[in-house]
């Protein structure tokens, strides 16, 4: 019994260190995206502001194309997750998965920073509605996928280098379950983003106008 408890504690410690590492990657991505939104040239800032104004105006007037938006959002988020998952079963996907997680943080940081820069105090409230809770949940989901992808990659590399057999069936069973849970969560957050967030933004814009 003690042997199993020690193994469990060891796994928790390893996974904790891995998640801390991934959290640092996300934070670096968010900070990089925020800084990038401030250093782009004036023309690019103008284009970003025009896009944001158009989005908020359409949300306020109820002119968003929900069907197209939900398809694009699902394809981007769920497709992104599936690609990360597939990269986990390949040795070459090790660094790519980390970069993809970084980009998720980068995009979030860029978007939030652009909203705050473009709308000032109003942007603080708008960015809060824009990012919370769905984008935060998405980041956690992608961190989970990245963690499992890296663990799978580590095990494959170790199996190849040490020439020891690997119980791939058991590993893949758990890995498929992780993907399934991730996809369900991403679908829920996508539906929230498309159908609920515009209404919340409309309420906020009505309060702070």
N, C-alpha and C. Protein backbone atom coordinates (compact mmCIF):
# COMPACT_ATOMS: atom_id res chain seq x y z
N UNK A 1 0.83 -1.21 0.00
CA UNK A 1 0.00 0.00 0.00
C UNK A 1 0.87 1.27 0.00
N UNK A 2 1.90 1.25 0.81
CA UNK A 2 2.79 2.40 0.89
C UNK A 2 3.46 2.66 -0.46
N UNK A 3 3.78 1.58 -1.17
CA UNK A 3 4.40 1.71 -2.48
C UNK A 3 3.50 2.48 -3.44
N UNK A 4 2.20 2.15 -3.43
CA UNK A 4 1.25 2.81 -4.32
C UNK A 4 1.03 4.27 -3.90
N UNK A 5 1.01 4.51 -2.58
CA UNK A 5 0.84 5.87 -2.10
C UNK A 5 2.03 6.74 -2.49
N UNK A 6 3.23 6.19 -2.41
CA UNK A 6 4.43 6.93 -2.81
C UNK A 6 4.40 7.24 -4.31
N UNK A 7 3.93 6.27 -5.08
CA UNK A 7 3.83 6.47 -6.53
C UNK A 7 2.82 7.55 -6.85
N UNK A 8 1.68 7.53 -6.14
CA UNK A 8 0.64 8.53 -6.35
C UNK A 8 1.16 9.92 -6.01
N UNK A 9 1.87 10.05 -4.86
CA UNK A 9 2.44 11.34 -4.47
C UNK A 9 3.45 11.83 -5.50
N UNK A 10 4.22 10.90 -6.03
CA UNK A 10 5.23 11.26 -7.04
C UNK A 10 4.57 11.78 -8.31
N UNK A 11 3.49 11.11 -8.75
CA UNK A 11 2.77 11.53 -9.95
C UNK A 11 2.13 12.90 -9.76
N UNK A 12 1.55 13.12 -8.57
CA UNK A 12 0.93 14.42 -8.28
C UNK A 12 1.97 15.52 -8.32
N UNK A 13 3.17 15.23 -7.75
CA UNK A 13 4.24 16.22 -7.72
C UNK A 13 4.71 16.54 -9.13
N UNK A 14 4.86 15.51 -9.96
CA UNK A 14 5.31 15.70 -11.35
C UNK A 14 4.27 16.49 -12.13
N UNK A 15 2.99 16.11 -11.98
CA UNK A 15 1.92 16.81 -12.70
C UNK A 15 1.79 18.25 -12.24
N UNK A 16 1.99 18.48 -10.92
CA UNK A 16 1.94 19.84 -10.40
C UNK A 16 3.03 20.68 -11.02
N UNK A 17 4.22 20.16 -11.11
CA UNK A 17 5.32 20.90 -11.74
C UNK A 17 5.04 21.17 -13.21
N UNK A 18 4.42 20.19 -13.87
CA UNK A 18 4.09 20.35 -15.29
C UNK A 18 3.06 21.45 -15.48
N UNK A 19 2.04 21.46 -14.62
CA UNK A 19 1.01 22.48 -14.74
C UNK A 19 1.54 23.87 -14.41
N UNK A 20 2.47 23.94 -13.47
CA UNK A 20 3.10 25.24 -13.17
C UNK A 20 3.87 25.72 -14.39
N UNK A 21 4.58 24.81 -15.05
CA UNK A 21 5.32 25.16 -16.27
C UNK A 21 4.36 25.66 -17.35
N UNK A 22 3.24 24.95 -17.53
CA UNK A 22 2.28 25.34 -18.56
C UNK A 22 1.60 26.66 -18.21
N UNK A 23 1.37 26.89 -16.92
CA UNK A 23 0.79 28.17 -16.50
C UNK A 23 1.73 29.31 -16.82
N UNK A 24 3.01 29.09 -16.63
CA UNK A 24 4.02 30.11 -16.97
C UNK A 24 3.98 30.38 -18.47
N UNK A 25 3.85 29.33 -19.28
CA UNK A 25 3.77 29.50 -20.74
C UNK A 25 2.57 30.36 -21.11
N UNK A 26 1.42 30.09 -20.47
CA UNK A 26 0.20 30.86 -20.74
C UNK A 26 0.38 32.32 -20.34
N UNK A 27 0.94 32.55 -19.15
CA UNK A 27 1.15 33.92 -18.67
C UNK A 27 2.09 34.68 -19.58
N UNK A 28 3.17 34.02 -20.01
CA UNK A 28 4.11 34.66 -20.94
C UNK A 28 3.39 35.00 -22.25
N UNK A 29 2.53 34.10 -22.71
CA UNK A 29 1.76 34.34 -23.93
C UNK A 29 0.83 35.53 -23.77
N UNK A 30 0.12 35.61 -22.63
CA UNK A 30 -0.80 36.72 -22.38
C UNK A 30 -0.05 38.05 -22.33
N UNK A 31 1.07 38.06 -21.61
CA UNK A 31 1.87 39.28 -21.49
C UNK A 31 2.42 39.69 -22.86
N UNK A 32 2.90 38.71 -23.64
CA UNK A 32 3.44 39.00 -24.97
C UNK A 32 2.35 39.56 -25.89
N UNK A 33 1.15 38.97 -25.82
CA UNK A 33 0.04 39.47 -26.64
C UNK A 33 -0.36 40.88 -26.24
N UNK A 34 -0.36 41.15 -24.93
CA UNK A 34 -0.71 42.49 -24.44
C UNK A 34 0.31 43.53 -24.90
N UNK A 35 1.59 43.17 -24.81
CA UNK A 35 2.64 44.09 -25.25
C UNK A 35 2.60 44.31 -26.76
N UNK A 36 2.32 43.23 -27.49
CA UNK A 36 2.28 43.33 -28.95
C UNK A 36 1.19 44.28 -29.41
N UNK A 37 0.05 44.29 -28.69
CA UNK A 37 -1.06 45.16 -29.08
C UNK A 37 -0.71 46.64 -28.91
N UNK A 38 0.30 46.93 -28.08
CA UNK A 38 0.70 48.32 -27.85
C UNK A 38 1.81 48.78 -28.78
N UNK A 39 2.52 47.84 -29.40
CA UNK A 39 3.66 48.24 -30.23
C UNK A 39 3.38 48.15 -31.73
N UNK A 40 2.21 47.61 -32.10
CA UNK A 40 1.90 47.58 -33.54
C UNK A 40 1.72 49.00 -34.04
N UNK A 41 1.91 49.21 -35.33
CA UNK A 41 1.84 50.57 -35.86
C UNK A 41 0.42 51.12 -35.84
N UNK A 42 0.31 52.42 -36.06
CA UNK A 42 -0.97 53.12 -35.93
C UNK A 42 -2.02 52.57 -36.89
N UNK A 43 -1.58 52.20 -38.08
CA UNK A 43 -2.54 51.68 -39.08
C UNK A 43 -3.15 50.36 -38.62
N UNK A 44 -2.33 49.50 -38.06
CA UNK A 44 -2.84 48.23 -37.56
C UNK A 44 -3.76 48.44 -36.36
N UNK A 45 -3.40 49.37 -35.48
CA UNK A 45 -4.26 49.69 -34.34
C UNK A 45 -5.61 50.19 -34.81
N UNK A 46 -5.60 50.98 -35.88
CA UNK A 46 -6.84 51.51 -36.43
C UNK A 46 -7.72 50.38 -36.96
N UNK A 47 -7.10 49.42 -37.64
CA UNK A 47 -7.85 48.29 -38.17
C UNK A 47 -8.47 47.45 -37.05
N UNK A 48 -7.69 47.23 -35.99
CA UNK A 48 -8.19 46.46 -34.84
C UNK A 48 -9.36 47.20 -34.19
N UNK A 49 -9.23 48.51 -34.02
CA UNK A 49 -10.29 49.30 -33.40
C UNK A 49 -11.55 49.30 -34.26
N UNK A 50 -11.37 49.39 -35.58
CA UNK A 50 -12.53 49.34 -36.48
C UNK A 50 -13.25 48.00 -36.38
N UNK A 51 -12.48 46.94 -36.27
CA UNK A 51 -13.09 45.60 -36.12
C UNK A 51 -13.87 45.51 -34.81
N UNK A 52 -13.27 46.01 -33.73
CA UNK A 52 -13.94 45.96 -32.42
C UNK A 52 -15.21 46.80 -32.42
N UNK A 53 -15.12 47.99 -33.01
CA UNK A 53 -16.30 48.86 -33.09
C UNK A 53 -17.42 48.19 -33.88
N UNK A 54 -17.04 47.54 -34.97
CA UNK A 54 -18.02 46.84 -35.80
C UNK A 54 -18.65 45.70 -35.03
N UNK A 55 -17.82 44.95 -34.31
CA UNK A 55 -18.34 43.81 -33.53
C UNK A 55 -19.30 44.27 -32.44
N UNK A 56 -18.91 45.29 -31.68
CA UNK A 56 -19.75 45.77 -30.59
C UNK A 56 -21.03 46.40 -31.13
N UNK A 57 -20.93 47.09 -32.27
CA UNK A 57 -22.12 47.70 -32.88
C UNK A 57 -23.10 46.62 -33.33
N UNK A 58 -22.58 45.57 -33.96
CA UNK A 58 -23.43 44.46 -34.41
C UNK A 58 -24.06 43.73 -33.22
N UNK A 59 -23.27 43.59 -32.14
CA UNK A 59 -23.81 42.95 -30.94
C UNK A 59 -24.94 43.78 -30.34
N UNK A 60 -24.76 45.09 -30.34
CA UNK A 60 -25.76 45.99 -29.78
C UNK A 60 -27.03 46.00 -30.60
N UNK A 61 -26.89 45.92 -31.92
CA UNK A 61 -28.05 45.98 -32.81
C UNK A 61 -28.60 44.60 -33.17
N UNK A 62 -27.97 43.55 -32.62
CA UNK A 62 -28.46 42.19 -32.89
C UNK A 62 -28.26 41.75 -34.32
N UNK A 63 -27.18 42.21 -34.94
CA UNK A 63 -26.93 41.90 -36.35
C UNK A 63 -25.86 40.82 -36.55
N UNK A 64 -25.48 40.16 -35.47
CA UNK A 64 -24.46 39.11 -35.59
C UNK A 64 -25.05 37.89 -36.30
N UNK A 65 -24.23 37.27 -37.16
CA UNK A 65 -24.65 36.05 -37.84
C UNK A 65 -24.29 34.87 -36.96
N UNK A 66 -25.26 34.42 -36.17
CA UNK A 66 -24.97 33.39 -35.17
C UNK A 66 -24.59 32.06 -35.80
N UNK A 67 -25.23 31.71 -36.90
CA UNK A 67 -24.95 30.41 -37.52
C UNK A 67 -23.49 30.33 -38.00
N UNK A 68 -23.06 31.38 -38.69
CA UNK A 68 -21.68 31.42 -39.17
C UNK A 68 -20.71 31.50 -38.01
N UNK A 69 -21.05 32.30 -37.01
CA UNK A 69 -20.16 32.49 -35.86
C UNK A 69 -19.95 31.19 -35.08
N UNK A 70 -21.04 30.45 -34.86
CA UNK A 70 -20.90 29.22 -34.08
C UNK A 70 -20.09 28.18 -34.84
N UNK A 71 -20.27 28.12 -36.16
CA UNK A 71 -19.50 27.17 -36.96
C UNK A 71 -18.01 27.53 -36.92
N UNK A 72 -17.71 28.82 -37.12
CA UNK A 72 -16.31 29.26 -37.10
C UNK A 72 -15.67 29.04 -35.74
N UNK A 73 -16.42 29.34 -34.68
CA UNK A 73 -15.89 29.18 -33.32
C UNK A 73 -15.64 27.72 -32.99
N UNK A 74 -16.59 26.85 -33.35
CA UNK A 74 -16.44 25.43 -33.07
C UNK A 74 -15.28 24.84 -33.87
N UNK A 75 -15.18 25.23 -35.14
CA UNK A 75 -14.10 24.71 -35.98
C UNK A 75 -12.75 25.14 -35.41
N UNK A 76 -12.66 26.40 -34.98
CA UNK A 76 -11.39 26.92 -34.47
C UNK A 76 -11.02 26.29 -33.14
N UNK A 77 -11.97 26.27 -32.18
CA UNK A 77 -11.64 25.79 -30.83
C UNK A 77 -11.53 24.26 -30.78
N UNK A 78 -12.55 23.59 -31.30
CA UNK A 78 -12.54 22.12 -31.27
C UNK A 78 -11.45 21.58 -32.19
N UNK A 79 -11.32 22.19 -33.38
CA UNK A 79 -10.27 21.77 -34.31
C UNK A 79 -8.88 21.96 -33.72
N UNK A 80 -8.70 23.08 -33.02
CA UNK A 80 -7.44 23.36 -32.35
C UNK A 80 -7.13 22.29 -31.31
N UNK A 81 -8.17 21.90 -30.56
CA UNK A 81 -8.00 20.89 -29.52
C UNK A 81 -7.65 19.53 -30.12
N UNK A 82 -8.30 19.17 -31.21
CA UNK A 82 -8.03 17.88 -31.86
C UNK A 82 -6.61 17.83 -32.41
N UNK A 83 -6.15 18.94 -32.98
CA UNK A 83 -4.78 19.00 -33.49
C UNK A 83 -3.78 18.81 -32.36
N UNK A 84 -4.04 19.49 -31.23
CA UNK A 84 -3.15 19.34 -30.06
C UNK A 84 -3.14 17.89 -29.59
N UNK A 85 -4.31 17.29 -29.57
CA UNK A 85 -4.45 15.90 -29.12
C UNK A 85 -3.67 14.95 -30.02
N UNK A 86 -3.79 15.16 -31.32
CA UNK A 86 -3.08 14.31 -32.28
C UNK A 86 -1.57 14.48 -32.17
N UNK A 87 -1.14 15.70 -31.92
CA UNK A 87 0.30 15.96 -31.78
C UNK A 87 0.88 15.25 -30.56
N UNK A 88 0.01 14.98 -29.58
CA UNK A 88 0.47 14.30 -28.38
C UNK A 88 0.94 12.88 -28.62
N UNK A 89 0.43 12.25 -29.67
CA UNK A 89 0.83 10.86 -29.97
C UNK A 89 1.96 10.83 -30.99
N UNK A 90 2.60 11.96 -31.17
CA UNK A 90 3.77 12.01 -32.06
C UNK A 90 4.91 12.68 -31.33
N UNK A 91 6.08 12.17 -31.52
CA UNK A 91 7.26 12.72 -30.83
C UNK A 91 7.56 14.14 -31.29
N UNK A 92 7.35 14.41 -32.57
CA UNK A 92 7.68 15.73 -33.11
C UNK A 92 6.72 16.81 -32.63
N UNK A 93 5.59 16.39 -32.04
CA UNK A 93 4.61 17.38 -31.60
C UNK A 93 4.92 18.03 -30.28
N UNK A 94 5.98 17.62 -29.65
CA UNK A 94 6.33 18.10 -28.30
C UNK A 94 6.40 19.63 -28.24
N UNK A 95 7.23 20.22 -29.07
CA UNK A 95 7.41 21.67 -29.03
C UNK A 95 6.24 22.40 -29.68
N UNK A 96 5.61 21.79 -30.66
CA UNK A 96 4.48 22.42 -31.35
C UNK A 96 3.31 22.63 -30.39
N UNK A 97 3.04 21.63 -29.55
CA UNK A 97 1.94 21.73 -28.59
C UNK A 97 2.19 22.87 -27.60
N UNK A 98 3.41 23.00 -27.14
CA UNK A 98 3.75 24.10 -26.22
C UNK A 98 3.56 25.44 -26.90
N UNK A 99 3.97 25.54 -28.16
CA UNK A 99 3.81 26.78 -28.91
C UNK A 99 2.34 27.10 -29.12
N UNK A 100 1.53 26.09 -29.37
CA UNK A 100 0.09 26.30 -29.57
C UNK A 100 -0.56 26.84 -28.29
N UNK A 101 -0.14 26.32 -27.14
CA UNK A 101 -0.66 26.82 -25.88
C UNK A 101 -0.23 28.27 -25.67
N UNK A 102 1.02 28.56 -26.01
CA UNK A 102 1.52 29.94 -25.93
C UNK A 102 0.67 30.87 -26.79
N UNK A 103 0.32 30.42 -27.99
CA UNK A 103 -0.47 31.24 -28.91
C UNK A 103 -1.87 31.49 -28.36
N UNK A 104 -2.43 30.52 -27.65
CA UNK A 104 -3.74 30.72 -27.02
C UNK A 104 -3.66 31.87 -26.02
N UNK A 105 -2.62 31.87 -25.20
CA UNK A 105 -2.42 32.96 -24.26
C UNK A 105 -2.15 34.27 -24.98
N UNK A 106 -1.38 34.22 -26.04
CA UNK A 106 -1.03 35.42 -26.83
C UNK A 106 -2.29 36.06 -27.40
N UNK A 107 -3.16 35.26 -27.99
CA UNK A 107 -4.39 35.78 -28.61
C UNK A 107 -5.30 36.41 -27.55
N UNK A 108 -5.41 35.73 -26.40
CA UNK A 108 -6.24 36.28 -25.33
C UNK A 108 -5.67 37.60 -24.83
N UNK A 109 -4.37 37.65 -24.61
CA UNK A 109 -3.73 38.88 -24.15
C UNK A 109 -3.88 40.00 -25.16
N UNK A 110 -3.71 39.70 -26.43
CA UNK A 110 -3.84 40.70 -27.49
C UNK A 110 -5.26 41.24 -27.55
N UNK A 111 -6.25 40.34 -27.47
CA UNK A 111 -7.65 40.75 -27.57
C UNK A 111 -8.06 41.64 -26.41
N UNK A 112 -7.75 41.19 -25.19
CA UNK A 112 -8.13 41.96 -24.00
C UNK A 112 -7.42 43.31 -23.98
N UNK A 113 -6.14 43.32 -24.29
CA UNK A 113 -5.37 44.57 -24.30
C UNK A 113 -5.90 45.53 -25.36
N UNK A 114 -6.28 45.01 -26.51
CA UNK A 114 -6.81 45.85 -27.60
C UNK A 114 -8.13 46.50 -27.18
N UNK A 115 -8.97 45.73 -26.49
CA UNK A 115 -10.25 46.27 -26.04
C UNK A 115 -10.03 47.38 -25.01
N UNK A 116 -9.12 47.14 -24.06
CA UNK A 116 -8.85 48.14 -23.02
C UNK A 116 -8.22 49.39 -23.63
N UNK A 117 -7.26 49.19 -24.55
CA UNK A 117 -6.59 50.32 -25.19
C UNK A 117 -7.57 51.14 -26.03
N UNK A 118 -8.47 50.45 -26.72
CA UNK A 118 -9.39 51.12 -27.62
C UNK A 118 -10.54 51.83 -26.93
N UNK A 119 -10.95 51.32 -25.75
CA UNK A 119 -12.15 51.86 -25.11
C UNK A 119 -11.92 52.39 -23.70
N UNK A 120 -10.68 52.40 -23.23
CA UNK A 120 -10.37 52.98 -21.94
C UNK A 120 -11.07 52.27 -20.80
N UNK A 121 -11.71 53.08 -19.90
CA UNK A 121 -12.38 52.49 -18.73
C UNK A 121 -13.50 51.54 -19.16
N UNK A 122 -14.23 51.91 -20.21
CA UNK A 122 -15.27 51.02 -20.72
C UNK A 122 -14.68 49.68 -21.13
N UNK A 123 -13.46 49.75 -21.67
CA UNK A 123 -12.80 48.54 -22.13
C UNK A 123 -12.53 47.55 -21.02
N UNK A 124 -12.32 48.05 -19.79
CA UNK A 124 -12.09 47.15 -18.65
C UNK A 124 -13.29 46.23 -18.43
N UNK A 125 -14.48 46.83 -18.43
CA UNK A 125 -15.70 46.06 -18.23
C UNK A 125 -16.00 45.18 -19.44
N UNK A 126 -15.80 45.72 -20.63
CA UNK A 126 -16.06 44.96 -21.85
C UNK A 126 -15.11 43.76 -21.96
N UNK A 127 -13.84 43.98 -21.60
CA UNK A 127 -12.88 42.88 -21.68
C UNK A 127 -13.17 41.80 -20.66
N UNK A 128 -13.72 42.21 -19.49
CA UNK A 128 -14.09 41.23 -18.47
C UNK A 128 -15.21 40.33 -18.98
N UNK A 129 -16.21 40.94 -19.61
CA UNK A 129 -17.31 40.16 -20.19
C UNK A 129 -16.80 39.30 -21.34
N UNK A 130 -15.88 39.87 -22.13
CA UNK A 130 -15.34 39.16 -23.28
C UNK A 130 -14.55 37.91 -22.87
N UNK A 131 -13.81 38.01 -21.78
CA UNK A 131 -12.87 36.93 -21.42
C UNK A 131 -13.40 35.96 -20.38
N UNK A 132 -14.30 36.41 -19.51
CA UNK A 132 -14.72 35.59 -18.37
C UNK A 132 -16.16 35.15 -18.50
N UNK A 133 -16.47 33.86 -18.25
CA UNK A 133 -15.52 32.81 -17.83
C UNK A 133 -15.04 31.91 -18.97
N UNK A 134 -15.64 32.07 -20.16
CA UNK A 134 -15.43 31.08 -21.22
C UNK A 134 -13.99 30.98 -21.70
N UNK A 135 -13.32 32.12 -21.89
CA UNK A 135 -11.93 32.06 -22.36
C UNK A 135 -10.99 31.51 -21.29
N UNK A 136 -11.31 31.79 -20.04
CA UNK A 136 -10.52 31.23 -18.94
C UNK A 136 -10.67 29.71 -18.89
N UNK A 137 -11.92 29.25 -19.05
CA UNK A 137 -12.17 27.81 -19.08
C UNK A 137 -11.45 27.18 -20.27
N UNK A 138 -11.49 27.85 -21.41
CA UNK A 138 -10.80 27.32 -22.60
C UNK A 138 -9.30 27.18 -22.35
N UNK A 139 -8.71 28.18 -21.72
CA UNK A 139 -7.28 28.12 -21.41
C UNK A 139 -6.97 26.93 -20.53
N UNK A 140 -7.81 26.70 -19.51
CA UNK A 140 -7.61 25.56 -18.61
C UNK A 140 -7.76 24.24 -19.36
N UNK A 141 -8.71 24.18 -20.28
CA UNK A 141 -8.91 22.97 -21.09
C UNK A 141 -7.68 22.71 -21.96
N UNK A 142 -7.17 23.75 -22.58
CA UNK A 142 -5.98 23.58 -23.43
C UNK A 142 -4.74 23.26 -22.61
N UNK A 143 -4.68 23.75 -21.39
CA UNK A 143 -3.58 23.37 -20.50
C UNK A 143 -3.66 21.89 -20.17
N UNK A 144 -4.89 21.40 -19.92
CA UNK A 144 -5.08 19.98 -19.63
C UNK A 144 -4.67 19.13 -20.82
N UNK A 145 -5.11 19.53 -22.01
CA UNK A 145 -4.75 18.80 -23.23
C UNK A 145 -3.24 18.81 -23.45
N UNK A 146 -2.63 19.97 -23.23
CA UNK A 146 -1.19 20.08 -23.42
C UNK A 146 -0.44 19.19 -22.43
N UNK A 147 -0.90 19.18 -21.18
CA UNK A 147 -0.26 18.36 -20.16
C UNK A 147 -0.29 16.89 -20.55
N UNK A 148 -1.46 16.40 -20.96
CA UNK A 148 -1.57 15.00 -21.35
C UNK A 148 -0.79 14.71 -22.63
N UNK A 149 -0.80 15.67 -23.56
CA UNK A 149 -0.04 15.48 -24.80
C UNK A 149 1.45 15.34 -24.51
N UNK A 150 1.95 16.17 -23.59
CA UNK A 150 3.36 16.11 -23.23
C UNK A 150 3.69 14.82 -22.49
N UNK A 151 2.79 14.40 -21.61
CA UNK A 151 3.01 13.15 -20.87
C UNK A 151 3.07 11.97 -21.83
N UNK A 152 2.16 11.95 -22.81
CA UNK A 152 2.16 10.88 -23.81
C UNK A 152 3.46 10.90 -24.61
N UNK A 153 3.87 12.11 -25.02
CA UNK A 153 5.11 12.24 -25.78
C UNK A 153 6.30 11.76 -24.98
N UNK A 154 6.36 12.14 -23.69
CA UNK A 154 7.45 11.69 -22.81
C UNK A 154 7.49 10.17 -22.76
N UNK A 155 6.33 9.55 -22.59
CA UNK A 155 6.26 8.10 -22.47
C UNK A 155 6.68 7.41 -23.77
N UNK A 156 6.30 7.98 -24.89
CA UNK A 156 6.70 7.41 -26.18
C UNK A 156 8.21 7.50 -26.37
N UNK A 157 8.76 8.67 -26.04
CA UNK A 157 10.21 8.85 -26.17
C UNK A 157 10.96 7.90 -25.26
N UNK A 158 10.50 7.79 -24.01
CA UNK A 158 11.15 6.90 -23.04
C UNK A 158 11.05 5.44 -23.47
N UNK A 159 9.89 5.07 -24.04
CA UNK A 159 9.70 3.70 -24.50
C UNK A 159 10.64 3.36 -25.65
N UNK A 160 10.82 4.35 -26.56
CA UNK A 160 11.69 4.13 -27.72
C UNK A 160 13.15 4.07 -27.30
N UNK A 161 13.55 5.02 -26.45
CA UNK A 161 14.96 5.08 -26.06
C UNK A 161 15.38 3.93 -25.15
N UNK A 162 14.46 3.50 -24.28
CA UNK A 162 14.79 2.41 -23.35
C UNK A 162 14.40 1.04 -23.90
N UNK A 163 13.68 1.07 -25.04
CA UNK A 163 13.24 -0.16 -25.69
C UNK A 163 12.39 -1.04 -24.76
N UNK A 164 11.56 -0.34 -23.96
CA UNK A 164 10.65 -1.05 -23.06
C UNK A 164 9.23 -0.99 -23.63
N UNK A 165 8.46 -2.07 -23.47
CA UNK A 165 7.09 -2.08 -24.00
C UNK A 165 6.22 -1.05 -23.29
N UNK A 166 5.22 -0.55 -24.02
CA UNK A 166 4.33 0.48 -23.49
C UNK A 166 2.89 0.02 -23.62
N UNK A 167 2.14 0.10 -22.53
CA UNK A 167 0.73 -0.28 -22.55
C UNK A 167 -0.07 0.83 -23.23
N UNK A 168 0.01 0.84 -24.56
CA UNK A 168 -0.58 1.93 -25.34
C UNK A 168 -2.11 1.93 -25.24
N UNK A 169 -2.71 0.76 -25.12
CA UNK A 169 -4.16 0.68 -25.06
C UNK A 169 -4.70 1.41 -23.82
N UNK A 170 -4.09 1.18 -22.67
CA UNK A 170 -4.53 1.82 -21.43
C UNK A 170 -4.30 3.33 -21.49
N UNK A 171 -3.15 3.71 -22.02
CA UNK A 171 -2.82 5.13 -22.12
C UNK A 171 -3.78 5.85 -23.06
N UNK A 172 -4.06 5.24 -24.22
CA UNK A 172 -4.93 5.87 -25.21
C UNK A 172 -6.37 5.95 -24.72
N UNK A 173 -6.78 4.96 -23.93
CA UNK A 173 -8.14 4.98 -23.39
C UNK A 173 -8.35 6.24 -22.54
N UNK A 174 -7.40 6.52 -21.67
CA UNK A 174 -7.47 7.72 -20.83
C UNK A 174 -7.33 8.98 -21.68
N UNK A 175 -6.47 8.92 -22.67
CA UNK A 175 -6.23 10.08 -23.54
C UNK A 175 -7.47 10.43 -24.33
N UNK A 176 -8.19 9.42 -24.82
CA UNK A 176 -9.44 9.64 -25.55
C UNK A 176 -10.50 10.25 -24.63
N UNK A 177 -10.53 9.80 -23.39
CA UNK A 177 -11.48 10.36 -22.42
C UNK A 177 -11.19 11.83 -22.17
N UNK A 178 -9.92 12.17 -22.08
CA UNK A 178 -9.54 13.58 -21.88
C UNK A 178 -10.00 14.42 -23.06
N UNK A 179 -9.82 13.91 -24.27
CA UNK A 179 -10.28 14.62 -25.46
C UNK A 179 -11.79 14.80 -25.44
N UNK A 180 -12.51 13.74 -25.07
CA UNK A 180 -13.96 13.81 -25.03
C UNK A 180 -14.46 14.87 -24.07
N UNK A 181 -13.91 14.89 -22.87
CA UNK A 181 -14.30 15.89 -21.87
C UNK A 181 -13.94 17.29 -22.36
N UNK A 182 -12.77 17.43 -22.98
CA UNK A 182 -12.32 18.73 -23.48
C UNK A 182 -13.25 19.25 -24.57
N UNK A 183 -13.64 18.38 -25.48
CA UNK A 183 -14.53 18.78 -26.59
C UNK A 183 -15.88 19.23 -26.05
N UNK A 184 -16.42 18.50 -25.08
CA UNK A 184 -17.71 18.88 -24.49
C UNK A 184 -17.61 20.26 -23.85
N UNK A 185 -16.56 20.50 -23.07
CA UNK A 185 -16.38 21.80 -22.43
C UNK A 185 -16.21 22.91 -23.45
N UNK A 186 -15.47 22.65 -24.52
CA UNK A 186 -15.24 23.66 -25.55
C UNK A 186 -16.52 23.98 -26.32
N UNK A 187 -17.36 22.99 -26.53
CA UNK A 187 -18.64 23.23 -27.19
C UNK A 187 -19.52 24.12 -26.31
N UNK A 188 -19.54 23.83 -25.01
CA UNK A 188 -20.34 24.63 -24.08
C UNK A 188 -19.85 26.08 -24.05
N UNK A 189 -18.53 26.27 -23.96
CA UNK A 189 -17.99 27.63 -23.91
C UNK A 189 -18.20 28.36 -25.24
N UNK A 190 -18.17 27.62 -26.35
CA UNK A 190 -18.41 28.22 -27.66
C UNK A 190 -19.85 28.71 -27.77
N UNK A 191 -20.79 27.90 -27.30
CA UNK A 191 -22.20 28.30 -27.30
C UNK A 191 -22.42 29.53 -26.42
N UNK A 192 -21.73 29.54 -25.27
CA UNK A 192 -21.83 30.69 -24.37
C UNK A 192 -21.27 31.95 -25.05
N UNK A 193 -20.12 31.79 -25.71
CA UNK A 193 -19.47 32.93 -26.37
C UNK A 193 -20.34 33.52 -27.47
N UNK A 194 -20.99 32.68 -28.24
CA UNK A 194 -21.75 33.15 -29.39
C UNK A 194 -23.13 33.67 -29.00
N UNK A 195 -23.82 32.99 -28.10
CA UNK A 195 -25.21 33.33 -27.82
C UNK A 195 -25.42 34.15 -26.54
N UNK A 196 -24.50 34.08 -25.60
CA UNK A 196 -24.68 34.80 -24.34
C UNK A 196 -23.83 36.06 -24.26
N UNK A 197 -22.56 35.96 -24.66
CA UNK A 197 -21.64 37.10 -24.55
C UNK A 197 -22.15 38.35 -25.27
N UNK A 198 -22.63 38.26 -26.53
CA UNK A 198 -23.14 39.48 -27.18
C UNK A 198 -24.25 40.16 -26.39
N UNK A 199 -25.12 39.38 -25.76
CA UNK A 199 -26.21 39.96 -24.96
C UNK A 199 -25.65 40.64 -23.71
N UNK A 200 -24.65 40.02 -23.08
CA UNK A 200 -24.03 40.63 -21.91
C UNK A 200 -23.29 41.91 -22.29
N UNK A 201 -22.62 41.89 -23.44
CA UNK A 201 -21.93 43.08 -23.92
C UNK A 201 -22.91 44.20 -24.19
N UNK A 202 -24.06 43.84 -24.73
CA UNK A 202 -25.12 44.82 -25.00
C UNK A 202 -25.60 45.47 -23.71
N UNK A 203 -25.76 44.65 -22.66
CA UNK A 203 -26.18 45.17 -21.36
C UNK A 203 -25.12 46.12 -20.79
N UNK A 204 -23.86 45.70 -20.86
CA UNK A 204 -22.76 46.52 -20.33
C UNK A 204 -22.66 47.84 -21.10
N UNK A 205 -22.76 47.77 -22.42
CA UNK A 205 -22.67 48.99 -23.22
C UNK A 205 -23.83 49.93 -22.93
N UNK A 206 -24.99 49.37 -22.58
CA UNK A 206 -26.13 50.19 -22.22
C UNK A 206 -25.92 50.88 -20.87
N UNK A 207 -25.18 50.24 -19.98
CA UNK A 207 -24.95 50.79 -18.64
C UNK A 207 -23.86 51.87 -18.67
N UNK A 208 -22.82 51.64 -19.46
CA UNK A 208 -21.66 52.54 -19.41
C UNK A 208 -21.63 53.58 -20.51
N UNK A 209 -22.68 53.65 -21.33
CA UNK A 209 -22.65 54.61 -22.45
C UNK A 209 -22.65 56.05 -21.96
